PDB file of N, CA and C in Angstrom:
ATOM      1  N   MET A   1     -48.440 -84.552-155.671  1.00  0.00           N
ATOM      2  CA  MET A   1     -49.038 -85.479-154.720  1.00  0.00           C
ATOM      3  C   MET A   1     -48.935 -84.878-153.316  1.00  0.00           C
ATOM      4  N   THR A   2     -50.038 -84.879-152.587  1.00  0.00           N
ATOM      5  CA  THR A   2     -50.033 -84.344-151.226  1.00  0.00           C
ATOM      6  C   THR A   2     -49.940 -85.472-150.217  1.00  0.00           C
ATOM      7  N   ASN A   3     -49.415 -85.139-149.073  1.00  0.00           N
ATOM      8  CA  ASN A   3     -49.294 -86.101-147.990  1.00  0.00           C
ATOM      9  C   ASN A   3     -50.455 -85.866-147.021  1.00  0.00           C
ATOM     10  N   ASN A   4     -51.336 -86.823-146.898  1.00  0.00           N
ATOM     11  CA  ASN A   4     -52.488 -86.708-146.016  1.00  0.00           C
ATOM     12  C   ASN A   4     -52.276 -87.484-144.719  1.00  0.00           C
ATOM     13  N   THR A   5     -51.052 -87.561-144.275  1.00  0.00           N
ATOM     14  CA  THR A   5     -50.706 -88.304-143.074  1.00  0.00           C
ATOM     15  C   THR A   5     -50.802 -87.413-141.843  1.00  0.00           C
ATOM     16  N   ALA A   6     -51.319 -87.988-140.764  1.00  0.00           N
ATOM     17  CA  ALA A   6     -51.361 -87.301-139.476  1.00  0.00           C
ATOM     18  C   ALA A   6     -51.361 -88.360-138.381  1.00  0.00           C
ATOM     19  N   VAL A   7     -50.977 -87.958-137.213  1.00  0.00           N
ATOM     20  CA  VAL A   7     -51.035 -88.831-136.044  1.00  0.00           C
ATOM     21  C   VAL A   7     -52.061 -88.239-135.085  1.00  0.00           C
ATOM     22  N   VAL A   8     -52.992 -89.080-134.643  1.00  0.00           N
ATOM     23  CA  VAL A   8     -54.009 -88.642-133.693  1.00  0.00           C
ATOM     24  C   VAL A   8     -53.919 -89.542-132.467  1.00  0.00           C
ATOM     25  N   ILE A   9     -53.778 -88.930-131.325  1.00  0.00           N
ATOM     26  CA  ILE A   9     -53.773 -89.667-130.057  1.00  0.00           C
ATOM     27  C   ILE A   9     -55.081 -89.343-129.354  1.00  0.00           C
ATOM     28  N   VAL A  10     -55.851 -90.392-129.072  1.00  0.00           N
ATOM     29  CA  VAL A  10     -57.122 -90.234-128.362  1.00  0.00           C
ATOM     30  C   VAL A  10     -56.989 -91.001-127.053  1.00  0.00           C
ATOM     31  N   TYR A  11     -57.338 -90.350-125.964  1.00  0.00           N
ATOM     32  CA  TYR A  11     -57.138 -90.953-124.648  1.00  0.00           C
ATOM     33  C   TYR A  11     -58.308 -90.633-123.731  1.00  0.00           C
ATOM     34  N   ALA A  12     -58.480 -91.450-122.703  1.00  0.00           N
ATOM     35  CA  ALA A  12     -59.497 -91.191-121.676  1.00  0.00           C
ATOM     36  C   ALA A  12     -58.891 -90.211-120.672  1.00  0.00           C
ATOM     37  N   ASP A  13     -59.510 -89.061-120.540  1.00  0.00           N
ATOM     38  CA  ASP A  13     -58.995 -88.016-119.661  1.00  0.00           C
ATOM     39  C   ASP A  13     -59.490 -88.238-118.245  1.00  0.00           C
ATOM     40  N   SER A  14     -58.630 -88.820-117.442  1.00  0.00           N
ATOM     41  CA  SER A  14     -58.931 -89.096-116.043  1.00  0.00           C
ATOM     42  C   SER A  14     -57.611 -89.077-115.286  1.00  0.00           C
ATOM     43  N   PRO A  15     -57.577 -88.485-114.097  1.00  0.00           N
ATOM     44  CA  PRO A  15     -56.316 -88.355-113.363  1.00  0.00           C
ATOM     45  C   PRO A  15     -55.560 -89.665-113.159  1.00  0.00           C
ATOM     46  N   GLY A  16     -56.257 -90.780-113.033  1.00  0.00           N
ATOM     47  CA  GLY A  16     -55.583 -92.047-112.779  1.00  0.00           C
ATOM     48  C   GLY A  16     -55.111 -92.770-114.021  1.00  0.00           C
ATOM     49  N   ARG A  17     -55.433 -92.275-115.196  1.00  0.00           N
ATOM     50  CA  ARG A  17     -55.068 -92.954-116.443  1.00  0.00           C
ATOM     51  C   ARG A  17     -53.651 -92.581-116.854  1.00  0.00           C
ATOM     52  N   PRO A  18     -52.845 -93.568-117.238  1.00  0.00           N
ATOM     53  CA  PRO A  18     -51.448 -93.302-117.589  1.00  0.00           C
ATOM     54  C   PRO A  18     -51.266 -92.286-118.722  1.00  0.00           C
ATOM     55  N   MET A  19     -52.067 -92.361-119.757  1.00  0.00           N
ATOM     56  CA  MET A  19     -51.882 -91.435-120.876  1.00  0.00           C
ATOM     57  C   MET A  19     -52.249 -90.017-120.477  1.00  0.00           C
ATOM     58  N   ALA A  20     -53.301 -89.863-119.707  1.00  0.00           N
ATOM     59  CA  ALA A  20     -53.680 -88.532-119.232  1.00  0.00           C
ATOM     60  C   ALA A  20     -52.556 -87.947-118.370  1.00  0.00           C
ATOM     61  N   GLN A  21     -51.918 -88.792-117.572  1.00  0.00           N
ATOM     62  CA  GLN A  21     -50.806 -88.326-116.746  1.00  0.00           C
ATOM     63  C   GLN A  21     -49.630 -87.891-117.617  1.00  0.00           C
ATOM     64  N   LYS A  22     -49.343 -88.664-118.679  1.00  0.00           N
ATOM     65  CA  LYS A  22     -48.238 -88.312-119.571  1.00  0.00           C
ATOM     66  C   LYS A  22     -48.504 -86.990-120.281  1.00  0.00           C
ATOM     67  N   ILE A  23     -49.728 -86.825-120.767  1.00  0.00           N
ATOM     68  CA  ILE A  23     -50.065 -85.598-121.486  1.00  0.00           C
ATOM     69  C   ILE A  23     -50.012 -84.394-120.552  1.00  0.00           C
ATOM     70  N   GLY A  24     -50.336 -84.599-119.293  1.00  0.00           N
ATOM     71  CA  GLY A  24     -50.298 -83.516-118.318  1.00  0.00           C
ATOM     72  C   GLY A  24     -48.925 -83.268-117.712  1.00  0.00           C
ATOM     73  N   SER A  25     -47.966 -84.109-118.039  1.00  0.00           N
ATOM     74  CA  SER A  25     -46.645 -83.975-117.423  1.00  0.00           C
ATOM     75  C   SER A  25     -45.814 -82.886-118.098  1.00  0.00           C
ATOM     76  N   HIS A  26     -44.741 -82.501-117.430  1.00  0.00           N
ATOM     77  CA  HIS A  26     -43.827 -81.502-117.978  1.00  0.00           C
ATOM     78  C   HIS A  26     -43.041 -82.044-119.171  1.00  0.00           C
ATOM     79  N   GLN A  27     -43.009 -83.361-119.335  1.00  0.00           N
ATOM     80  CA  GLN A  27     -42.276 -83.977-120.439  1.00  0.00           C
ATOM     81  C   GLN A  27     -43.051 -83.937-121.753  1.00  0.00           C
ATOM     82  N   TRP A  28     -44.370 -83.798-121.691  1.00  0.00           N
ATOM     83  CA  TRP A  28     -45.184 -83.830-122.909  1.00  0.00           C
ATOM     84  C   TRP A  28     -44.805 -82.717-123.897  1.00  0.00           C
ATOM     85  N   PRO A  29     -44.683 -81.466-123.456  1.00  0.00           N
ATOM     86  CA  PRO A  29     -44.271 -80.417-124.414  1.00  0.00           C
ATOM     87  C   PRO A  29     -42.908 -80.706-125.053  1.00  0.00           C
ATOM     88  N   GLN A  30     -42.007 -81.339-124.300  1.00  0.00           N
ATOM     89  CA  GLN A  30     -40.705 -81.696-124.861  1.00  0.00           C
ATOM     90  C   GLN A  30     -40.875 -82.684-126.010  1.00  0.00           C
ATOM     91  N   LEU A  31     -41.753 -83.655-125.834  1.00  0.00           N
ATOM     92  CA  LEU A  31     -42.002 -84.638-126.881  1.00  0.00           C
ATOM     93  C   LEU A  31     -42.624 -83.975-128.112  1.00  0.00           C
ATOM     94  N   THR A  32     -43.627 -83.154-127.887  1.00  0.00           N
ATOM     95  CA  THR A  32     -44.305 -82.547-129.036  1.00  0.00           C
ATOM     96  C   THR A  32     -43.394 -81.579-129.795  1.00  0.00           C
ATOM     97  N   ARG A  33     -42.404 -81.009-129.120  1.00  0.00           N
ATOM     98  CA  ARG A  33     -41.461 -80.115-129.806  1.00  0.00           C
ATOM     99  C   ARG A  33     -40.542 -80.874-130.758  1.00  0.00           C
ATOM    100  N   ILE A  34     -40.217 -82.139-130.440  1.00  0.00           N
ATOM    101  CA  ILE A  34     -39.293 -82.881-131.302  1.00  0.00           C
ATOM    102  C   ILE A  34     -40.004 -83.584-132.465  1.00  0.00           C
ATOM    103  N   VAL A  35     -41.319 -83.646-132.416  1.00  0.00           N
ATOM    104  CA  VAL A  35     -42.080 -84.252-133.509  1.00  0.00           C
ATOM    105  C   VAL A  35     -42.086 -83.272-134.683  1.00  0.00           C
ATOM    106  N   ARG A  36     -41.779 -83.754-135.867  1.00  0.00           N
ATOM    107  CA  ARG A  36     -41.760 -82.907-137.071  1.00  0.00           C
ATOM    108  C   ARG A  36     -43.179 -82.668-137.551  1.00  0.00           C
ATOM    109  N   GLN A  37     -43.883 -81.759-136.893  1.00  0.00           N
ATOM    110  CA  GLN A  37     -45.282 -81.510-137.217  1.00  0.00           C
ATOM    111  C   GLN A  37     -45.461 -80.822-138.568  1.00  0.00           C
ATOM    112  N   ASP A  38     -44.407 -80.292-139.127  1.00  0.00           N
ATOM    113  CA  ASP A  38     -44.499 -79.756-140.486  1.00  0.00           C
ATOM    114  C   ASP A  38     -44.616 -80.893-141.502  1.00  0.00           C
ATOM    115  N   GLN A  39     -44.183 -82.097-141.103  1.00  0.00           N
ATOM    116  CA  GLN A  39     -44.269 -83.262-141.982  1.00  0.00           C
ATOM    117  C   GLN A  39     -45.433 -84.182-141.623  1.00  0.00           C
ATOM    118  N   VAL A  40     -45.644 -84.382-140.343  1.00  0.00           N
ATOM    119  CA  VAL A  40     -46.742 -85.226-139.868  1.00  0.00           C
ATOM    120  C   VAL A  40     -47.408 -84.516-138.694  1.00  0.00           C
ATOM    121  N   PRO A  41     -48.571 -83.907-138.920  1.00  0.00           N
ATOM    122  CA  PRO A  41     -49.264 -83.206-137.834  1.00  0.00           C
ATOM    123  C   PRO A  41     -49.641 -84.171-136.699  1.00  0.00           C
ATOM    124  N   LEU A  42     -49.514 -83.682-135.495  1.00  0.00           N
ATOM    125  CA  LEU A  42     -49.854 -84.448-134.299  1.00  0.00           C
ATOM    126  C   LEU A  42     -51.042 -83.784-133.621  1.00  0.00           C
ATOM    127  N   HIS A  43     -52.098 -84.559-133.397  1.00  0.00           N
ATOM    128  CA  HIS A  43     -53.297 -84.053-132.739  1.00  0.00           C
ATOM    129  C   HIS A  43     -53.586 -84.918-131.519  1.00  0.00           C
ATOM    130  N   VAL A  44     -53.871 -84.287-130.408  1.00  0.00           N
ATOM    131  CA  VAL A  44     -54.175 -85.000-129.169  1.00  0.00           C
ATOM    132  C   VAL A  44     -55.553 -84.561-128.699  1.00  0.00           C
ATOM    133  N   ARG A  45     -56.445 -85.526-128.529  1.00  0.00           N
ATOM    134  CA  ARG A  45     -57.810 -85.228-128.096  1.00  0.00           C
ATOM    135  C   ARG A  45     -58.258 -86.295-127.106  1.00  0.00           C
ATOM    136  N   SER A  46     -59.029 -85.873-126.129  1.00  0.00           N
ATOM    137  CA  SER A  46     -59.598 -86.853-125.196  1.00  0.00           C
ATOM    138  C   SER A  46     -60.896 -87.402-125.787  1.00  0.00           C
ATOM    139  N   TYR A  47     -61.254 -88.602-125.359  1.00  0.00           N
ATOM    140  CA  TYR A  47     -62.542 -89.160-125.768  1.00  0.00           C
ATOM    141  C   TYR A  47     -63.666 -88.208-125.370  1.00  0.00           C
ATOM    142  N   GLN A  48     -63.544 -87.622-124.196  1.00  0.00           N
ATOM    143  CA  GLN A  48     -64.577 -86.725-123.708  1.00  0.00           C
ATOM    144  C   GLN A  48     -64.733 -85.520-124.651  1.00  0.00           C
ATOM    145  N   GLU A  49     -63.625 -85.007-125.134  1.00  0.00           N
ATOM    146  CA  GLU A  49     -63.662 -83.869-126.047  1.00  0.00           C
ATOM    147  C   GLU A  49     -64.332 -84.254-127.372  1.00  0.00           C
ATOM    148  N   ILE A  50     -63.987 -85.410-127.895  1.00  0.00           N
ATOM    149  CA  ILE A  50     -64.580 -85.880-129.153  1.00  0.00           C
ATOM    150  C   ILE A  50     -66.076 -86.122-128.980  1.00  0.00           C
ATOM    151  N   LEU A  51     -66.461 -86.740-127.868  1.00  0.00           N
ATOM    152  CA  LEU A  51     -67.886 -86.988-127.622  1.00  0.00           C
ATOM    153  C   LEU A  51     -68.665 -85.684-127.474  1.00  0.00           C
ATOM    154  N   MET A  52     -68.074 -84.711-126.806  1.00  0.00           N
ATOM    155  CA  MET A  52     -68.739 -83.424-126.654  1.00  0.00           C
ATOM    156  C   MET A  52     -68.965 -82.763-128.019  1.00  0.00           C
ATOM    157  N   LEU A  53     -67.957 -82.814-128.887  1.00  0.00           N
ATOM    158  CA  LEU A  53     -68.091 -82.250-130.230  1.00  0.00           C
ATOM    159  C   LEU A  53     -69.146 -83.003-131.041  1.00  0.00           C
ATOM    160  N   ALA A  54     -69.147 -84.327-130.938  1.00  0.00           N
ATOM    161  CA  ALA A  54     -70.139 -85.131-131.659  1.00  0.00           C
ATOM    162  C   ALA A  54     -71.552 -84.799-131.185  1.00  0.00           C
ATOM    163  N   GLN A  55     -71.711 -84.643-129.884  1.00  0.00           N
ATOM    164  CA  GLN A  55     -73.028 -84.293-129.348  1.00  0.00           C
ATOM    165  C   GLN A  55     -73.466 -82.918-129.847  1.00  0.00           C
ATOM    166  N   GLU A  56     -72.548 -81.978-129.884  1.00  0.00           N
ATOM    167  CA  GLU A  56     -72.874 -80.623-130.344  1.00  0.00           C
ATOM    168  C   GLU A  56     -73.267 -80.631-131.820  1.00  0.00           C
ATOM    169  N   ILE A  57     -72.513 -81.326-132.633  1.00  0.00           N
ATOM    170  CA  ILE A  57     -72.816 -81.397-134.065  1.00  0.00           C
ATOM    171  C   ILE A  57     -74.163 -82.063-134.292  1.00  0.00           C
ATOM    172  N   THR A  58     -74.427 -83.137-133.556  1.00  0.00           N
ATOM    173  CA  THR A  58     -75.701 -83.838-133.703  1.00  0.00           C
ATOM    174  C   THR A  58     -76.856 -82.952-133.254  1.00  0.00           C
ATOM    175  N   ARG A  59     -76.661 -82.222-132.157  1.00  0.00           N
ATOM    176  CA  ARG A  59     -77.699 -81.308-131.654  1.00  0.00           C
ATOM    177  C   ARG A  59     -78.030 -80.240-132.692  1.00  0.00           C
ATOM    178  N   GLN A  60     -77.014 -79.704-133.322  1.00  0.00           N
ATOM    179  CA  GLN A  60     -77.215 -78.658-134.327  1.00  0.00           C
ATOM    180  C   GLN A  60     -78.025 -79.187-135.513  1.00  0.00           C
ATOM    181  N   GLY A  61     -77.869 -80.446-135.817  1.00  0.00           N
ATOM    182  CA  GLY A  61     -78.603 -81.039-136.927  1.00  0.00           C
ATOM    183  C   GLY A  61     -79.868 -81.740-136.480  1.00  0.00           C
ATOM    184  N   SER A  62     -80.270 -81.521-135.240  1.00  0.00           N
ATOM    185  CA  SER A  62     -81.459 -82.161-134.654  1.00  0.00           C
ATOM    186  C   SER A  62     -81.389 -83.679-134.755  1.00  0.00           C
ATOM    187  N   GLY A  63     -80.181 -84.215-134.636  1.00  0.00           N
ATOM    188  CA  GLY A  63     -79.995 -85.656-134.745  1.00  0.00           C
ATOM    189  C   GLY A  63     -80.204 -86.382-133.429  1.00  0.00           C
ATOM    190  N   GLU A  64     -80.114 -87.678-133.510  1.00  0.00           N
ATOM    191  CA  GLU A  64     -80.304 -88.558-132.360  1.00  0.00           C
ATOM    192  C   GLU A  64     -79.091 -88.483-131.432  1.00  0.00           C
ATOM    193  N   GLN A  65     -79.337 -88.245-130.158  1.00  0.00           N
ATOM    194  CA  GLN A  65     -78.276 -88.108-129.161  1.00  0.00           C
ATOM    195  C   GLN A  65     -77.976 -89.401-128.419  1.00  0.00           C
ATOM    196  N   THR A  66     -78.860 -90.370-128.476  1.00  0.00           N
ATOM    197  CA  THR A  66     -78.742 -91.566-127.639  1.00  0.00           C
ATOM    198  C   THR A  66     -77.401 -92.273-127.788  1.00  0.00           C
ATOM    199  N   VAL A  67     -76.929 -92.431-128.998  1.00  0.00           N
ATOM    200  CA  VAL A  67     -75.668 -93.145-129.207  1.00  0.00           C
ATOM    201  C   VAL A  67     -74.510 -92.418-128.528  1.00  0.00           C
ATOM    202  N   TRP A  68     -74.505 -91.096-128.562  1.00  0.00           N
ATOM    203  CA  TRP A  68     -73.426 -90.340-127.921  1.00  0.00           C
ATOM    204  C   TRP A  68     -73.512 -90.419-126.408  1.00  0.00           C
ATOM    205  N   TRP A  69     -74.731 -90.374-125.863  1.00  0.00           N
ATOM    206  CA  TRP A  69     -74.891 -90.514-124.414  1.00  0.00           C
ATOM    207  C   TRP A  69     -74.401 -91.872-123.945  1.00  0.00           C
ATOM    208  N   LYS A  70     -74.764 -92.913-124.684  1.00  0.00           N
ATOM    209  CA  LYS A  70     -74.353 -94.277-124.305  1.00  0.00           C
ATOM    210  C   LYS A  70     -72.844 -94.437-124.406  1.00  0.00           C
ATOM    211  N   LEU A  71     -72.251 -93.897-125.455  1.00  0.00           N
ATOM    212  CA  LEU A  71     -70.801 -93.991-125.606  1.00  0.00           C
ATOM    213  C   LEU A  71     -70.096 -93.195-124.509  1.00  0.00           C
ATOM    214  N   ASP A  72     -70.608 -92.029-124.185  1.00  0.00           N
ATOM    215  CA  ASP A  72     -70.040 -91.215-123.107  1.00  0.00           C
ATOM    216  C   ASP A  72     -70.103 -91.964-121.777  1.00  0.00           C
ATOM    217  N   GLU A  73     -71.239 -92.585-121.509  1.00  0.00           N
ATOM    218  CA  GLU A  73     -71.395 -93.375-120.284  1.00  0.00           C
ATOM    219  C   GLU A  73     -70.405 -94.531-120.262  1.00  0.00           C
ATOM    220  N   TRP A  74     -70.247 -95.208-121.390  1.00  0.00           N
ATOM    221  CA  TRP A  74     -69.329 -96.351-121.474  1.00  0.00           C
ATOM    222  C   TRP A  74     -67.894 -95.897-121.225  1.00  0.00           C
ATOM    223  N   VAL A  75     -67.473 -94.795-121.864  1.00  0.00           N
ATOM    224  CA  VAL A  75     -66.105 -94.294-121.674  1.00  0.00           C
ATOM    225  C   VAL A  75     -65.875 -93.931-120.218  1.00  0.00           C
ATOM    226  N   ASN A  76     -66.826 -93.231-119.612  1.00  0.00           N
ATOM    227  CA  ASN A  76     -66.659 -92.830-118.206  1.00  0.00           C
ATOM    228  C   ASN A  76     -66.643 -94.030-117.280  1.00  0.00           C
ATOM    229  N   ASN A  77     -67.486 -95.020-117.513  1.00  0.00           N
ATOM    230  CA  ASN A  77     -67.458 -96.227-116.690  1.00  0.00           C
ATOM    231  C   ASN A  77     -66.162 -96.984-116.896  1.00  0.00           C
ATOM    232  N   LYS A  78     -65.700 -97.079-118.116  1.00  0.00           N
ATOM    233  CA  LYS A  78     -64.478 -97.804-118.444  1.00  0.00           C
ATOM    234  C   LYS A  78     -63.265 -97.155-117.793  1.00  0.00           C
ATOM    235  N   LYS A  79     -63.164 -95.845-117.870  1.00  0.00           N
ATOM    236  CA  LYS A  79     -61.974 -95.196-117.327  1.00  0.00           C
ATOM    237  C   LYS A  79     -61.903 -95.334-115.808  1.00  0.00           C
ATOM    238  N   PHE A  80     -63.054 -95.380-115.124  1.00  0.00           N
ATOM    239  CA  PHE A  80     -63.027 -95.528-113.677  1.00  0.00           C
ATOM    240  C   PHE A  80     -62.878 -96.984-113.260  1.00  0.00           C
ATOM    241  N   ASP A  81     -63.360 -97.919-114.082  1.00  0.00           N
ATOM    242  CA  ASP A  81     -63.217 -99.334-113.775  1.00  0.00           C
ATOM    243  C   ASP A  81     -61.752 -99.772-113.811  1.00  0.00           C
ATOM    244  N   GLU A  82     -60.980 -99.169-114.690  1.00  0.00           N
ATOM    245  CA  GLU A  82     -59.601 -99.617-114.894  1.00  0.00           C
ATOM    246  C   GLU A  82     -58.586 -98.862-114.065  1.00  0.00           C
ATOM    247  N   CYS A  83     -59.009 -97.853-113.336  1.00  0.00           N
ATOM    248  CA  CYS A  83     -58.064 -97.077-112.510  1.00  0.00           C
ATOM    249  C   CYS A  83     -57.692 -97.847-111.260  1.00  0.00           C
TER     250      CYS A  83
END
């Protein structure tokens, strides 16, 4: 039996956002070093990074981009509204 467990942290990458500040801090590498990634992989991605990848994959398949543009706009508006 294999273990398909992983932890994924997705955050809005903006200087004023608390999670972005934590990930950019000197304490973040200390935290990731103590996580047993051999047992539970830890992945950290920004919404912007995920949206960029989704747009690229959709472009390669000649797919519809509108949903990704709208989601990107929503994330960017949301992150600045809450700062």
